[in-house]
Amino acid sequence: MPKEEQMTKSELPGVPAGGLRRVGQIRGTNDLIFHAGQDGMAVALELLSTHTPGAPVVDDHHEFIGFISEVDVLRALEAGKDLSKLIAEDIMVRDRIAVTAETTIEAAVKIME
């Protein structure tokens, strides 16, 4: 059995004693943020080149206004749209549900289902 399979959840690197209980305990590894007016092709290329499945979109005041995922980019392409003629705001989805650092892992999973 590989060493990783033998470890308990609390022994895995980065997992606090007692396991993960709240969203805020998960350390993000991605700082990617898109701006509403950012070129659509640049958004797609950045998602691909950073191997990032999605990122938030912010306005000029750095307020969250939406989210762009790889699927959103693919939907735009499937609809026959030219990414170089779109901006992030054209591609993003506005109705994403957000959680806070205090949201339990269990609650976050239920929200995502």
PDB file of N, CA and C in Angstrom:
ATOM      1  N   MET A   1       0.853  -1.185   0.000  1.00  0.00           N
ATOM      2  CA  MET A   1       0.000   0.000   0.000  1.00  0.00           C
ATOM      3  C   MET A   1       0.895   1.243   0.000  1.00  0.00           C
ATOM      4  N   PRO A   2       0.633   2.230  -0.898  1.00  0.00           N
ATOM      5  CA  PRO A   2       1.436   3.452  -0.920  1.00  0.00           C
ATOM      6  C   PRO A   2       1.332   4.202   0.404  1.00  0.00           C
ATOM      7  N   LYS A   3       2.425   4.890   0.748  1.00  0.00           N
ATOM      8  CA  LYS A   3       2.481   5.611   2.021  1.00  0.00           C
ATOM      9  C   LYS A   3       1.309   6.571   2.187  1.00  0.00           C
ATOM     10  N   GLU A   4       0.928   7.281   1.098  1.00  0.00           N
ATOM     11  CA  GLU A   4      -0.165   8.254   1.184  1.00  0.00           C
ATOM     12  C   GLU A   4      -1.475   7.590   1.585  1.00  0.00           C
ATOM     13  N   GLU A   5      -1.731   6.364   1.087  1.00  0.00           N
ATOM     14  CA  GLU A   5      -2.971   5.658   1.429  1.00  0.00           C
ATOM     15  C   GLU A   5      -2.973   5.230   2.885  1.00  0.00           C
ATOM     16  N   GLN A   6      -1.786   5.045   3.478  1.00  0.00           N
ATOM     17  CA  GLN A   6      -1.695   4.610   4.861  1.00  0.00           C
ATOM     18  C   GLN A   6      -1.925   5.756   5.840  1.00  0.00           C
ATOM     19  N   MET A   7      -1.753   6.980   5.386  1.00  0.00           N
ATOM     20  CA  MET A   7      -1.918   8.141   6.267  1.00  0.00           C
ATOM     21  C   MET A   7      -3.389   8.380   6.568  1.00  0.00           C
ATOM     22  N   THR A   8      -3.653   8.852   7.768  1.00  0.00           N
ATOM     23  CA  THR A   8      -5.010   9.267   8.086  1.00  0.00           C
ATOM     24  C   THR A   8      -5.196  10.682   7.567  1.00  0.00           C
ATOM     25  N   LYS A   9      -6.430  11.152   7.534  1.00  0.00           N
ATOM     26  CA  LYS A   9      -6.707  12.497   7.030  1.00  0.00           C
ATOM     27  C   LYS A   9      -5.921  13.566   7.784  1.00  0.00           C
ATOM     28  N   SER A  10      -5.812  13.431   9.091  1.00  0.00           N
ATOM     29  CA  SER A  10      -5.133  14.460   9.873  1.00  0.00           C
ATOM     30  C   SER A  10      -3.617  14.417   9.702  1.00  0.00           C
ATOM     31  N   GLU A  11      -3.073  13.334   9.129  1.00  0.00           N
ATOM     32  CA  GLU A  11      -1.638  13.242   8.911  1.00  0.00           C
ATOM     33  C   GLU A  11      -1.229  13.741   7.531  1.00  0.00           C
ATOM     34  N   LEU A  12      -2.178  13.963   6.644  1.00  0.00           N
ATOM     35  CA  LEU A  12      -1.843  14.425   5.305  1.00  0.00           C
ATOM     36  C   LEU A  12      -1.289  15.840   5.364  1.00  0.00           C
ATOM     37  N   PRO A  13      -0.300  16.143   4.525  1.00  0.00           N
ATOM     38  CA  PRO A  13       0.279  17.492   4.531  1.00  0.00           C
ATOM     39  C   PRO A  13      -0.784  18.564   4.305  1.00  0.00           C
ATOM     40  N   GLY A  14      -0.751  19.613   5.113  1.00  0.00           N
ATOM     41  CA  GLY A  14      -1.679  20.724   4.953  1.00  0.00           C
ATOM     42  C   GLY A  14      -3.025  20.543   5.621  1.00  0.00           C
ATOM     43  N   VAL A  15      -3.279  19.372   6.206  1.00  0.00           N
ATOM     44  CA  VAL A  15      -4.564  19.123   6.863  1.00  0.00           C
ATOM     45  C   VAL A  15      -4.381  19.316   8.363  1.00  0.00           C
ATOM     46  N   PRO A  16      -5.157  20.223   8.976  1.00  0.00           N
ATOM     47  CA  PRO A  16      -5.007  20.461  10.412  1.00  0.00           C
ATOM     48  C   PRO A  16      -5.470  19.265  11.236  1.00  0.00           C
ATOM     49  N   ALA A  17      -4.972  19.176  12.467  1.00  0.00           N
ATOM     50  CA  ALA A  17      -5.409  18.120  13.373  1.00  0.00           C
ATOM     51  C   ALA A  17      -6.926  18.168  13.481  1.00  0.00           C
ATOM     52  N   GLY A  18      -7.565  17.043  13.401  1.00  0.00           N
ATOM     53  CA  GLY A  18      -9.023  16.994  13.457  1.00  0.00           C
ATOM     54  C   GLY A  18      -9.667  17.110  12.087  1.00  0.00           C
ATOM     55  N   GLY A  19      -8.868  17.334  11.067  1.00  0.00           N
ATOM     56  CA  GLY A  19      -9.399  17.403   9.702  1.00  0.00           C
ATOM     57  C   GLY A  19      -9.933  18.782   9.343  1.00  0.00           C
ATOM     58  N   LEU A  20     -10.308  18.906   8.104  1.00  0.00           N
ATOM     59  CA  LEU A  20     -10.869  20.166   7.607  1.00  0.00           C
ATOM     60  C   LEU A  20     -12.341  20.249   7.988  1.00  0.00           C
ATOM     61  N   ARG A  21     -12.738  21.361   8.567  1.00  0.00           N
ATOM     62  CA  ARG A  21     -14.129  21.527   8.984  1.00  0.00           C
ATOM     63  C   ARG A  21     -14.800  22.724   8.313  1.00  0.00           C
ATOM     64  N   ARG A  22     -14.034  23.753   7.982  1.00  0.00           N
ATOM     65  CA  ARG A  22     -14.591  24.977   7.402  1.00  0.00           C
ATOM     66  C   ARG A  22     -13.836  25.335   6.126  1.00  0.00           C
ATOM     67  N   VAL A  23     -14.548  26.011   5.235  1.00  0.00           N
ATOM     68  CA  VAL A  23     -13.971  26.418   3.955  1.00  0.00           C
ATOM     69  C   VAL A  23     -12.707  27.250   4.164  1.00  0.00           C
ATOM     70  N   GLY A  24     -12.694  28.087   5.181  1.00  0.00           N
ATOM     71  CA  GLY A  24     -11.551  28.950   5.446  1.00  0.00           C
ATOM     72  C   GLY A  24     -10.266  28.207   5.776  1.00  0.00           C
ATOM     73  N   GLN A  25     -10.368  26.925   6.106  1.00  0.00           N
ATOM     74  CA  GLN A  25      -9.176  26.137   6.402  1.00  0.00           C
ATOM     75  C   GLN A  25      -8.486  25.645   5.127  1.00  0.00           C
ATOM     76  N   ILE A  26      -9.165  25.734   4.010  1.00  0.00           N
ATOM     77  CA  ILE A  26      -8.590  25.278   2.746  1.00  0.00           C
ATOM     78  C   ILE A  26      -7.761  26.410   2.169  1.00  0.00           C
ATOM     79  N   ARG A  27      -6.534  26.120   1.888  1.00  0.00           N
ATOM     80  CA  ARG A  27      -5.650  27.148   1.346  1.00  0.00           C
ATOM     81  C   ARG A  27      -5.719  27.147  -0.166  1.00  0.00           C
ATOM     82  N   GLY A  28      -6.103  28.257  -0.726  1.00  0.00           N
ATOM     83  CA  GLY A  28      -6.172  28.380  -2.171  1.00  0.00           C
ATOM     84  C   GLY A  28      -4.791  28.413  -2.795  1.00  0.00           C
ATOM     85  N   THR A  29      -4.693  27.884  -3.991  1.00  0.00           N
ATOM     86  CA  THR A  29      -3.411  27.885  -4.692  1.00  0.00           C
ATOM     87  C   THR A  29      -3.477  28.744  -5.944  1.00  0.00           C
ATOM     88  N   ASN A  30      -4.583  29.441  -6.118  1.00  0.00           N
ATOM     89  CA  ASN A  30      -4.787  30.214  -7.335  1.00  0.00           C
ATOM     90  C   ASN A  30      -5.208  31.637  -6.984  1.00  0.00           C
ATOM     91  N   ASP A  31      -4.484  32.597  -7.514  1.00  0.00           N
ATOM     92  CA  ASP A  31      -4.817  34.001  -7.284  1.00  0.00           C
ATOM     93  C   ASP A  31      -5.368  34.665  -8.535  1.00  0.00           C
ATOM     94  N   LEU A  32      -5.781  33.871  -9.500  1.00  0.00           N
ATOM     95  CA  LEU A  32      -6.251  34.395 -10.778  1.00  0.00           C
ATOM     96  C   LEU A  32      -7.563  35.158 -10.604  1.00  0.00           C
ATOM     97  N   ILE A  33      -7.604  36.374 -11.133  1.00  0.00           N
ATOM     98  CA  ILE A  33      -8.803  37.217 -11.118  1.00  0.00           C
ATOM     99  C   ILE A  33      -8.899  37.887 -12.480  1.00  0.00           C
ATOM    100  N   PHE A  34     -10.109  37.924 -13.033  1.00  0.00           N
ATOM    101  CA  PHE A  34     -10.325  38.608 -14.303  1.00  0.00           C
ATOM    102  C   PHE A  34     -11.061  39.916 -14.053  1.00  0.00           C
ATOM    103  N   HIS A  35     -10.825  40.882 -14.928  1.00  0.00           N
ATOM    104  CA  HIS A  35     -11.517  42.166 -14.859  1.00  0.00           C
ATOM    105  C   HIS A  35     -12.626  42.172 -15.905  1.00  0.00           C
ATOM    106  N   ALA A  36     -13.724  42.826 -15.603  1.00  0.00           N
ATOM    107  CA  ALA A  36     -14.918  42.801 -16.457  1.00  0.00           C
ATOM    108  C   ALA A  36     -14.618  43.120 -17.913  1.00  0.00           C
ATOM    109  N   GLY A  37     -13.742  44.057 -18.179  1.00  0.00           N
ATOM    110  CA  GLY A  37     -13.448  44.472 -19.545  1.00  0.00           C
ATOM    111  C   GLY A  37     -12.316  43.721 -20.214  1.00  0.00           C
ATOM    112  N   GLN A  38     -11.812  42.692 -19.544  1.00  0.00           N
ATOM    113  CA  GLN A  38     -10.680  41.934 -20.090  1.00  0.00           C
ATOM    114  C   GLN A  38     -11.079  41.168 -21.345  1.00  0.00           C
ATOM    115  N   ASP A  39     -10.187  41.154 -22.330  1.00  0.00           N
ATOM    116  CA  ASP A  39     -10.412  40.485 -23.607  1.00  0.00           C
ATOM    117  C   ASP A  39     -10.747  39.003 -23.409  1.00  0.00           C
ATOM    118  N   GLY A  40     -11.792  38.536 -24.078  1.00  0.00           N
ATOM    119  CA  GLY A  40     -12.245  37.156 -23.950  1.00  0.00           C
ATOM    120  C   GLY A  40     -11.205  36.127 -24.338  1.00  0.00           C
ATOM    121  N   MET A  41     -10.454  36.387 -25.389  1.00  0.00           N
ATOM    122  CA  MET A  41      -9.406  35.457 -25.808  1.00  0.00           C
ATOM    123  C   MET A  41      -8.307  35.387 -24.754  1.00  0.00           C
ATOM    124  N   ALA A  42      -7.961  36.532 -24.168  1.00  0.00           N
ATOM    125  CA  ALA A  42      -6.945  36.561 -23.112  1.00  0.00           C
ATOM    126  C   ALA A  42      -7.406  35.755 -21.902  1.00  0.00           C
ATOM    127  N   VAL A  43      -8.697  35.834 -21.588  1.00  0.00           N
ATOM    128  CA  VAL A  43      -9.265  35.056 -20.478  1.00  0.00           C
ATOM    129  C   VAL A  43      -9.085  33.567 -20.759  1.00  0.00           C
ATOM    130  N   ALA A  44      -9.482  33.133 -21.952  1.00  0.00           N
ATOM    131  CA  ALA A  44      -9.378  31.717 -22.316  1.00  0.00           C
ATOM    132  C   ALA A  44      -7.929  31.243 -22.258  1.00  0.00           C
ATOM    133  N   LEU A  45      -7.021  32.029 -22.799  1.00  0.00           N
ATOM    134  CA  LEU A  45      -5.607  31.651 -22.803  1.00  0.00           C
ATOM    135  C   LEU A  45      -5.038  31.575 -21.393  1.00  0.00           C
ATOM    136  N   GLU A  46      -5.461  32.486 -20.536  1.00  0.00           N
ATOM    137  CA  GLU A  46      -4.965  32.469 -19.156  1.00  0.00           C
ATOM    138  C   GLU A  46      -5.486  31.253 -18.398  1.00  0.00           C
ATOM    139  N   LEU A  47      -6.757  30.904 -18.598  1.00  0.00           N
ATOM    140  CA  LEU A  47      -7.292  29.700 -17.965  1.00  0.00           C
ATOM    141  C   LEU A  47      -6.507  28.471 -18.420  1.00  0.00           C
ATOM    142  N   LEU A  48      -6.267  28.371 -19.717  1.00  0.00           N
ATOM    143  CA  LEU A  48      -5.535  27.219 -20.256  1.00  0.00           C
ATOM    144  C   LEU A  48      -4.088  27.180 -19.784  1.00  0.00           C
ATOM    145  N   SER A  49      -3.405  28.293 -19.863  1.00  0.00           N
ATOM    146  CA  SER A  49      -1.975  28.306 -19.547  1.00  0.00           C
ATOM    147  C   SER A  49      -1.687  28.115 -18.062  1.00  0.00           C
ATOM    148  N   THR A  50      -2.641  28.453 -17.210  1.00  0.00           N
ATOM    149  CA  THR A  50      -2.446  28.284 -15.764  1.00  0.00           C
ATOM    150  C   THR A  50      -3.094  27.009 -15.234  1.00  0.00           C
ATOM    151  N   HIS A  51      -3.729  26.248 -16.134  1.00  0.00           N
ATOM    152  CA  HIS A  51      -4.426  25.009 -15.743  1.00  0.00           C
ATOM    153  C   HIS A  51      -5.443  25.294 -14.641  1.00  0.00           C
ATOM    154  N   THR A  52      -6.145  26.409 -14.794  1.00  0.00           N
ATOM    155  CA  THR A  52      -7.125  26.847 -13.807  1.00  0.00           C
ATOM    156  C   THR A  52      -8.523  26.644 -14.376  1.00  0.00           C
ATOM    157  N   PRO A  53      -9.409  25.948 -13.660  1.00  0.00           N
ATOM    158  CA  PRO A  53     -10.747  25.683 -14.188  1.00  0.00           C
ATOM    159  C   PRO A  53     -11.679  26.891 -14.199  1.00  0.00           C
ATOM    160  N   GLY A  54     -11.358  27.929 -13.448  1.00  0.00           N
ATOM    161  CA  GLY A  54     -12.214  29.107 -13.417  1.00  0.00           C
ATOM    162  C   GLY A  54     -11.676  30.143 -12.454  1.00  0.00           C
ATOM    163  N   ALA A  55     -12.236  31.352 -12.547  1.00  0.00           N
ATOM    164  CA  ALA A  55     -11.781  32.438 -11.677  1.00  0.00           C
ATOM    165  C   ALA A  55     -12.860  33.509 -11.576  1.00  0.00           C
ATOM    166  N   PRO A  56     -12.828  34.291 -10.497  1.00  0.00           N
ATOM    167  CA  PRO A  56     -13.804  35.368 -10.333  1.00  0.00           C
ATOM    168  C   PRO A  56     -13.550  36.523 -11.297  1.00  0.00           C
ATOM    169  N   VAL A  57     -14.609  37.282 -11.551  1.00  0.00           N
ATOM    170  CA  VAL A  57     -14.529  38.495 -12.371  1.00  0.00           C
ATOM    171  C   VAL A  57     -14.889  39.659 -11.457  1.00  0.00           C
ATOM    172  N   VAL A  58     -14.093  40.731 -11.519  1.00  0.00           N
ATOM    173  CA  VAL A  58     -14.339  41.905 -10.684  1.00  0.00           C
ATOM    174  C   VAL A  58     -14.554  43.141 -11.551  1.00  0.00           C
ATOM    175  N   ASP A  59     -15.222  44.136 -10.964  1.00  0.00           N
ATOM    176  CA  ASP A  59     -15.446  45.400 -11.678  1.00  0.00           C
ATOM    177  C   ASP A  59     -14.285  46.358 -11.409  1.00  0.00           C
ATOM    178  N   ASP A  60     -14.443  47.604 -11.822  1.00  0.00           N
ATOM    179  CA  ASP A  60     -13.380  48.601 -11.649  1.00  0.00           C
ATOM    180  C   ASP A  60     -13.074  48.910 -10.184  1.00  0.00           C
ATOM    181  N   HIS A  61     -14.001  48.568  -9.291  1.00  0.00           N
ATOM    182  CA  HIS A  61     -13.813  48.794  -7.857  1.00  0.00           C
ATOM    183  C   HIS A  61     -13.337  47.520  -7.158  1.00  0.00           C
ATOM    184  N   HIS A  62     -12.979  46.513  -7.948  1.00  0.00           N
ATOM    185  CA  HIS A  62     -12.515  45.210  -7.464  1.00  0.00           C
ATOM    186  C   HIS A  62     -13.591  44.457  -6.683  1.00  0.00           C
ATOM    187  N   GLU A  63     -14.855  44.742  -7.009  1.00  0.00           N
ATOM    188  CA  GLU A  63     -15.981  44.031  -6.404  1.00  0.00           C
ATOM    189  C   GLU A  63     -16.319  42.825  -7.274  1.00  0.00           C
ATOM    190  N   PHE A  64     -16.624  41.702  -6.640  1.00  0.00           N
ATOM    191  CA  PHE A  64     -16.998  40.480  -7.350  1.00  0.00           C
ATOM    192  C   PHE A  64     -18.293  40.707  -8.127  1.00  0.00           C
ATOM    193  N   ILE A  65     -18.278  40.403  -9.425  1.00  0.00           N
ATOM    194  CA  ILE A  65     -19.498  40.554 -10.232  1.00  0.00           C
ATOM    195  C   ILE A  65     -19.868  39.274 -10.977  1.00  0.00           C
ATOM    196  N   GLY A  66     -18.991  38.283 -10.964  1.00  0.00           N
ATOM    197  CA  GLY A  66     -19.296  37.046 -11.666  1.00  0.00           C
ATOM    198  C   GLY A  66     -18.137  36.071 -11.623  1.00  0.00           C
ATOM    199  N   PHE A  67     -18.278  35.002 -12.396  1.00  0.00           N
ATOM    200  CA  PHE A  67     -17.272  33.940 -12.419  1.00  0.00           C
ATOM    201  C   PHE A  67     -17.195  33.385 -13.831  1.00  0.00           C
ATOM    202  N   ILE A  68     -15.987  33.106 -14.296  1.00  0.00           N
ATOM    203  CA  ILE A  68     -15.796  32.480 -15.608  1.00  0.00           C
ATOM    204  C   ILE A  68     -15.123  31.134 -15.396  1.00  0.00           C
ATOM    205  N   SER A  69     -15.736  30.093 -15.945  1.00  0.00           N
ATOM    206  CA  SER A  69     -15.130  28.767 -15.905  1.00  0.00           C
ATOM    207  C   SER A  69     -14.767  28.334 -17.319  1.00  0.00           C
ATOM    208  N   GLU A  70     -14.006  27.255 -17.411  1.00  0.00           N
ATOM    209  CA  GLU A  70     -13.679  26.683 -18.717  1.00  0.00           C
ATOM    210  C   GLU A  70     -14.958  26.373 -19.490  1.00  0.00           C
ATOM    211  N   VAL A  71     -15.963  25.897 -18.777  1.00  0.00           N
ATOM    212  CA  VAL A  71     -17.239  25.543 -19.413  1.00  0.00           C
ATOM    213  C   VAL A  71     -17.904  26.782 -20.003  1.00  0.00           C
ATOM    214  N   ASP A  72     -17.817  27.914 -19.328  1.00  0.00           N
ATOM    215  CA  ASP A  72     -18.401  29.154 -19.852  1.00  0.00           C
ATOM    216  C   ASP A  72     -17.726  29.560 -21.160  1.00  0.00           C
ATOM    217  N   VAL A  73     -16.403  29.396 -21.222  1.00  0.00           N
ATOM    218  CA  VAL A  73     -15.667  29.703 -22.453  1.00  0.00           C
ATOM    219  C   VAL A  73     -16.099  28.749 -23.566  1.00  0.00           C
ATOM    220  N   LEU A  74     -16.207  27.464 -23.237  1.00  0.00           N
ATOM    221  CA  LEU A  74     -16.638  26.479 -24.235  1.00  0.00           C
ATOM    222  C   LEU A  74     -18.054  26.761 -24.735  1.00  0.00           C
ATOM    223  N   ARG A  75     -18.928  27.196 -23.838  1.00  0.00           N
ATOM    224  CA  ARG A  75     -20.302  27.533 -24.256  1.00  0.00           C
ATOM    225  C   ARG A  75     -20.306  28.691 -25.249  1.00  0.00           C
ATOM    226  N   ALA A  76     -19.455  29.682 -25.010  1.00  0.00           N
ATOM    227  CA  ALA A  76     -19.360  30.817 -25.937  1.00  0.00           C
ATOM    228  C   ALA A  76     -18.873  30.337 -27.300  1.00  0.00           C
ATOM    229  N   LEU A  77     -17.877  29.465 -27.311  1.00  0.00           N
ATOM    230  CA  LEU A  77     -17.364  28.922 -28.573  1.00  0.00           C
ATOM    231  C   LEU A  77     -18.420  28.080 -29.281  1.00  0.00           C
ATOM    232  N   GLU A  78     -19.133  27.258 -28.508  1.00  0.00           N
ATOM    233  CA  GLU A  78     -20.184  26.408 -29.076  1.00  0.00           C
ATOM    234  C   GLU A  78     -21.284  27.255 -29.719  1.00  0.00           C
ATOM    235  N   ALA A  79     -21.530  28.427 -29.155  1.00  0.00           N
ATOM    236  CA  ALA A  79     -22.557  29.330 -29.686  1.00  0.00           C
ATOM    237  C   ALA A  79     -22.051  30.100 -30.908  1.00  0.00           C
ATOM    238  N   GLY A  80     -20.815  29.806 -31.324  1.00  0.00           N
ATOM    239  CA  GLY A  80     -20.267  30.449 -32.512  1.00  0.00           C
ATOM    240  C   GLY A  80     -19.700  31.831 -32.275  1.00  0.00           C
ATOM    241  N   LYS A  81     -19.450  32.173 -31.025  1.00  0.00           N
ATOM    242  CA  LYS A  81     -18.934  33.510 -30.712  1.00  0.00           C
ATOM    243  C   LYS A  81     -17.414  33.557 -30.885  1.00  0.00           C
ATOM    244  N   ASP A  82     -16.919  34.710 -31.283  1.00  0.00           N
ATOM    245  CA  ASP A  82     -15.491  34.958 -31.462  1.00  0.00           C
ATOM    246  C   ASP A  82     -14.950  35.542 -30.160  1.00  0.00           C
ATOM    247  N   LEU A  83     -14.129  34.778 -29.456  1.00  0.00           N
ATOM    248  CA  LEU A  83     -13.627  35.218 -28.151  1.00  0.00           C
ATOM    249  C   LEU A  83     -12.871  36.537 -28.222  1.00  0.00           C
ATOM    250  N   SER A  84     -12.241  36.817 -29.346  1.00  0.00           N
ATOM    251  CA  SER A  84     -11.480  38.064 -29.464  1.00  0.00           C
ATOM    252  C   SER A  84     -12.390  39.286 -29.573  1.00  0.00           C
ATOM    253  N   LYS A  85     -13.695  39.051 -29.776  1.00  0.00           N
ATOM    254  CA  LYS A  85     -14.656  40.159 -29.846  1.00  0.00           C
ATOM    255  C   LYS A  85     -15.509  40.254 -28.580  1.00  0.00           C
ATOM    256  N   LEU A  86     -15.205  39.410 -27.606  1.00  0.00           N
ATOM    257  CA  LEU A  86     -15.939  39.405 -26.341  1.00  0.00           C
ATOM    258  C   LEU A  86     -15.036  39.911 -25.223  1.00  0.00           C
ATOM    259  N   ILE A  87     -15.665  40.333 -24.143  1.00  0.00           N
ATOM    260  CA  ILE A  87     -14.930  40.668 -22.924  1.00  0.00           C
ATOM    261  C   ILE A  87     -15.394  39.718 -21.823  1.00  0.00           C
ATOM    262  N   ALA A  88     -14.668  39.700 -20.730  1.00  0.00           N
ATOM    263  CA  ALA A  88     -14.981  38.791 -19.628  1.00  0.00           C
ATOM    264  C   ALA A  88     -16.438  38.897 -19.201  1.00  0.00           C
ATOM    265  N   GLU A  89     -16.950  40.104 -19.149  1.00  0.00           N
ATOM    266  CA  GLU A  89     -18.333  40.320 -18.716  1.00  0.00           C
ATOM    267  C   GLU A  89     -19.334  39.629 -19.640  1.00  0.00           C
ATOM    268  N   ASP A  90     -18.985  39.470 -20.925  1.00  0.00           N
ATOM    269  CA  ASP A  90     -19.863  38.788 -21.874  1.00  0.00           C
ATOM    270  C   ASP A  90     -19.897  37.282 -21.642  1.00  0.00           C
ATOM    271  N   ILE A  91     -18.826  36.737 -21.107  1.00  0.00           N
ATOM    272  CA  ILE A  91     -18.681  35.287 -20.955  1.00  0.00           C
ATOM    273  C   ILE A  91     -19.084  34.813 -19.565  1.00  0.00           C
ATOM    274  N   MET A  92     -18.870  35.646 -18.571  1.00  0.00           N
ATOM    275  CA  MET A  92     -19.054  35.238 -17.173  1.00  0.00           C
ATOM    276  C   MET A  92     -20.498  34.883 -16.839  1.00  0.00           C
ATOM    277  N   VAL A  93     -20.627  34.166 -15.741  1.00  0.00           N
ATOM    278  CA  VAL A  93     -21.928  33.835 -15.174  1.00  0.00           C
ATOM    279  C   VAL A  93     -22.076  34.677 -13.918  1.00  0.00           C
ATOM    280  N   ARG A  94     -23.220  35.316 -13.782  1.00  0.00           N
ATOM    281  CA  ARG A  94     -23.442  36.212 -12.633  1.00  0.00           C
ATOM    282  C   ARG A  94     -24.070  35.521 -11.431  1.00  0.00           C
ATOM    283  N   ASP A  95     -24.733  34.422 -11.636  1.00  0.00           N
ATOM    284  CA  ASP A  95     -25.512  33.814 -10.551  1.00  0.00           C
ATOM    285  C   ASP A  95     -24.763  32.722  -9.789  1.00  0.00           C
ATOM    286  N   ARG A  96     -23.503  32.898  -9.556  1.00  0.00           N
ATOM    287  CA  ARG A  96     -22.741  31.932  -8.768  1.00  0.00           C
ATOM    288  C   ARG A  96     -23.101  32.093  -7.299  1.00  0.00           C
ATOM    289  N   ILE A  97     -23.092  30.987  -6.597  1.00  0.00           N
ATOM    290  CA  ILE A  97     -23.355  31.008  -5.163  1.00  0.00           C
ATOM    291  C   ILE A  97     -22.009  31.008  -4.454  1.00  0.00           C
ATOM    292  N   ALA A  98     -21.816  31.946  -3.572  1.00  0.00           N
ATOM    293  CA  ALA A  98     -20.546  32.052  -2.857  1.00  0.00           C
ATOM    294  C   ALA A  98     -20.702  31.550  -1.429  1.00  0.00           C
ATOM    295  N   VAL A  99     -19.610  31.085  -0.879  1.00  0.00           N
ATOM    296  CA  VAL A  99     -19.573  30.680   0.519  1.00  0.00           C
ATOM    297  C   VAL A  99     -18.546  31.557   1.222  1.00  0.00           C
ATOM    298  N   THR A 100     -18.592  31.558   2.537  1.00  0.00           N
ATOM    299  CA  THR A 100     -17.626  32.338   3.315  1.00  0.00           C
ATOM    300  C   THR A 100     -16.602  31.397   3.941  1.00  0.00           C
ATOM    301  N   ALA A 101     -15.601  31.977   4.554  1.00  0.00           N
ATOM    302  CA  ALA A 101     -14.571  31.187   5.233  1.00  0.00           C
ATOM    303  C   ALA A 101     -15.170  30.367   6.370  1.00  0.00           C
ATOM    304  N   GLU A 102     -16.288  30.826   6.923  1.00  0.00           N
ATOM    305  CA  GLU A 102     -16.921  30.135   8.048  1.00  0.00           C
ATOM    306  C   GLU A 102     -17.898  29.038   7.626  1.00  0.00           C
ATOM    307  N   THR A 103     -18.197  28.931   6.341  1.00  0.00           N
ATOM    308  CA  THR A 103     -19.095  27.883   5.855  1.00  0.00           C
ATOM    309  C   THR A 103     -18.455  26.526   6.115  1.00  0.00           C
ATOM    310  N   THR A 104     -19.245  25.590   6.638  1.00  0.00           N
ATOM    311  CA  THR A 104     -18.692  24.254   6.873  1.00  0.00           C
ATOM    312  C   THR A 104     -18.481  23.545   5.539  1.00  0.00           C
ATOM    313  N   ILE A 105     -17.558  22.603   5.534  1.00  0.00           N
ATOM    314  CA  ILE A 105     -17.304  21.811   4.330  1.00  0.00           C
ATOM    315  C   ILE A 105     -18.594  21.095   3.928  1.00  0.00           C
ATOM    316  N   GLU A 106     -19.302  20.549   4.903  1.00  0.00           N
ATOM    317  CA  GLU A 106     -20.552  19.837   4.634  1.00  0.00           C
ATOM    318  C   GLU A 106     -21.570  20.748   3.942  1.00  0.00           C
ATOM    319  N   ALA A 107     -21.723  21.968   4.442  1.00  0.00           N
ATOM    320  CA  ALA A 107     -22.671  22.913   3.840  1.00  0.00           C
ATOM    321  C   ALA A 107     -22.233  23.300   2.431  1.00  0.00           C
ATOM    322  N   ALA A 108     -20.933  23.492   2.223  1.00  0.00           N
ATOM    323  CA  ALA A 108     -20.425  23.857   0.897  1.00  0.00           C
ATOM    324  C   ALA A 108     -20.703  22.753  -0.116  1.00  0.00           C
ATOM    325  N   VAL A 109     -20.529  21.512   0.299  1.00  0.00           N
ATOM    326  CA  VAL A 109     -20.807  20.378  -0.593  1.00  0.00           C
ATOM    327  C   VAL A 109     -22.281  20.363  -0.972  1.00  0.00           C
ATOM    328  N   LYS A 110     -23.162  20.589  -0.017  1.00  0.00           N
ATOM    329  CA  LYS A 110     -24.606  20.596  -0.307  1.00  0.00           C
ATOM    330  C   LYS A 110     -24.970  21.725  -1.262  1.00  0.00           C
ATOM    331  N   ILE A 111     -24.331  22.876  -1.114  1.00  0.00           N
ATOM    332  CA  ILE A 111     -24.591  24.010  -2.003  1.00  0.00           C
ATOM    333  C   ILE A 111     -24.171  23.674  -3.425  1.00  0.00           C
ATOM    334  N   MET A 112     -23.051  22.968  -3.567  1.00  0.00           N
ATOM    335  CA  MET A 112     -22.523  22.645  -4.893  1.00  0.00           C
ATOM    336  C   MET A 112     -23.260  21.505  -5.585  1.00  0.00           C
ATOM    337  N   GLU A 113     -24.046  20.733  -4.860  1.00  0.00           N
ATOM    338  CA  GLU A 113     -24.753  19.588  -5.460  1.00  0.00           C
ATOM    339  C   GLU A 113     -25.874  19.998  -6.357  1.00  0.00           C
TER     340      GLU A 113
END
